[in-house]
């Protein structure tokens, strides 16, 4: 089981992309990827909305998320969100990889 958060950062004048770029260039994103329990931390850019960035952030369990949220790194992230005046929307998913149906598997090319 994994817990995945889809975080949509929205701003103006390209600020969401600038935020993601600074997270990558500053090494903050790499530090998060190195945290115990982090399974994925990647930014994506929706083609239909140039002012939004999607962060897919996956963790092995809730404890890993809680440790991450209690870390000083969250202050850095919060400061960057404020710097770029970003608004957020979140979606939370729990993986269920073990029960992908045979009907669904035929559409998945590995």
Protein backbone atom coordinates (compact mmCIF):
# COMPACT_ATOMS: atom_id res chain seq x y z
CA UNK A 1 0.00 0.00 0.00
CA UNK A 2 1.11 3.54 -0.77
CA UNK A 3 -0.50 6.88 -0.06
CA UNK A 4 -0.38 9.34 -2.93
CA UNK A 5 -1.18 13.01 -2.77
CA UNK A 6 -1.90 14.92 -5.94
CA UNK A 7 -1.21 18.55 -5.11
CA UNK A 8 -2.30 21.15 -7.65
CA UNK A 9 -0.41 24.45 -7.27
CA UNK A 10 -2.02 27.36 -9.09
CA UNK A 11 -0.70 30.88 -9.44
CA UNK A 12 -0.38 33.75 -11.88
CA UNK A 13 2.25 34.84 -14.37
CA UNK A 14 3.97 31.44 -14.41
CA UNK A 15 4.55 31.40 -10.64
CA UNK A 16 3.55 27.75 -10.21
CA UNK A 17 6.24 26.69 -12.68
CA UNK A 18 8.75 29.04 -11.04
CA UNK A 19 7.96 27.39 -7.69
CA UNK A 20 8.55 23.90 -9.12
CA UNK A 21 11.77 25.04 -10.78
CA UNK A 22 13.06 26.53 -7.53
CA UNK A 23 12.13 23.36 -5.62
CA UNK A 24 14.22 21.36 -8.10
CA UNK A 25 17.13 23.78 -8.53
CA UNK A 26 17.51 24.43 -4.80
CA UNK A 27 17.77 20.70 -4.08
CA UNK A 28 14.68 20.73 -1.85
CA UNK A 29 12.83 18.24 -4.06
CA UNK A 30 15.87 15.93 -4.05
CA UNK A 31 15.99 16.05 -0.25
CA UNK A 32 12.31 15.07 -0.07
CA UNK A 33 12.89 12.19 -2.50
CA UNK A 34 15.68 10.99 -0.17
CA UNK A 35 13.44 10.94 2.90
CA UNK A 36 12.64 7.57 4.40
CA UNK A 37 9.31 6.40 3.06
CA UNK A 38 9.12 8.68 0.02
CA UNK A 39 8.30 6.73 -3.11
CA UNK A 40 7.65 9.50 -5.63
CA UNK A 41 7.97 13.27 -5.75
CA UNK A 42 7.51 14.56 -9.29
CA UNK A 43 6.10 17.69 -10.89
CA UNK A 44 3.92 17.67 -14.02
CA UNK A 45 2.47 20.46 -16.12
CA UNK A 46 -1.14 20.15 -17.34
CA UNK A 47 -1.28 20.99 -21.04
CA UNK A 48 -4.67 22.67 -20.68
CA UNK A 49 -3.70 24.97 -17.77
CA UNK A 50 -0.36 26.81 -17.98
CA UNK A 51 -0.85 28.38 -14.53
CA UNK A 52 -1.06 25.05 -12.67
CA UNK A 53 1.58 22.53 -11.66
CA UNK A 54 0.70 19.04 -10.44
CA UNK A 55 2.89 17.44 -7.79
CA UNK A 56 2.49 13.68 -7.39
CA UNK A 57 3.83 12.85 -3.94
CA UNK A 58 3.73 9.19 -2.79
CA UNK A 59 4.69 7.72 0.58
CA UNK A 60 4.86 4.18 1.93
CA UNK A 61 2.51 4.95 4.85
CA UNK A 62 0.91 7.69 6.96
CA UNK A 63 3.77 7.65 9.46
CA UNK A 64 6.21 8.63 6.69
CA UNK A 65 3.96 11.52 5.70
CA UNK A 66 3.66 12.65 9.32
CA UNK A 67 7.46 12.64 9.77
CA UNK A 68 7.83 14.64 6.55
CA UNK A 69 5.19 17.16 7.65
CA UNK A 70 6.96 17.60 11.02
CA UNK A 71 10.34 18.25 9.37
CA UNK A 72 11.93 21.71 9.04
CA UNK A 73 11.71 21.23 5.27
CA UNK A 74 8.01 22.07 5.46
CA UNK A 75 8.96 25.62 6.49
CA UNK A 76 11.04 25.94 3.32
CA UNK A 77 8.15 24.70 1.20
CA UNK A 78 5.66 27.02 2.94
CA UNK A 79 7.96 30.00 2.38
CA UNK A 80 8.25 29.20 -1.33
CA UNK A 81 4.47 28.81 -1.63
CA UNK A 82 4.07 32.28 -0.11
CA UNK A 83 6.86 33.74 -2.25
CA UNK A 84 5.02 32.67 -5.39
CA UNK A 85 1.51 33.35 -3.96
CA UNK A 86 0.25 29.87 -4.78
CA UNK A 87 -3.12 28.34 -4.03
CA UNK A 88 -3.54 24.60 -3.64
CA UNK A 89 -5.98 21.80 -4.17
CA UNK A 90 -5.26 18.29 -2.90
CA UNK A 91 -6.45 14.79 -3.71
CA UNK A 92 -5.49 11.75 -1.64
CA UNK A 93 -5.32 8.18 -2.97
CA UNK A 94 -4.43 4.83 -1.42
CA UNK A 95 -2.93 2.35 -3.87
CA UNK A 96 -4.54 -0.96 -4.60
CA UNK A 97 -2.01 -2.47 -7.01
CA UNK A 98 -2.68 -6.03 -5.89
CA UNK A 99 -6.28 -6.07 -7.09
CA UNK A 100 -6.00 -4.75 -10.63
CA UNK A 101 -8.56 -6.81 -12.46
CA UNK A 102 -7.70 -9.03 -15.40
CA UNK A 103 -10.06 -6.88 -17.49
CA UNK A 104 -7.98 -3.80 -16.65
CA UNK A 105 -4.63 -5.56 -17.05
CA UNK A 106 -5.22 -6.09 -20.77
CA UNK A 107 -4.98 -2.30 -21.26
CA UNK A 108 -1.66 -1.97 -19.39
CA UNK A 109 1.47 -2.47 -21.46
CA UNK A 110 4.59 -3.11 -19.42
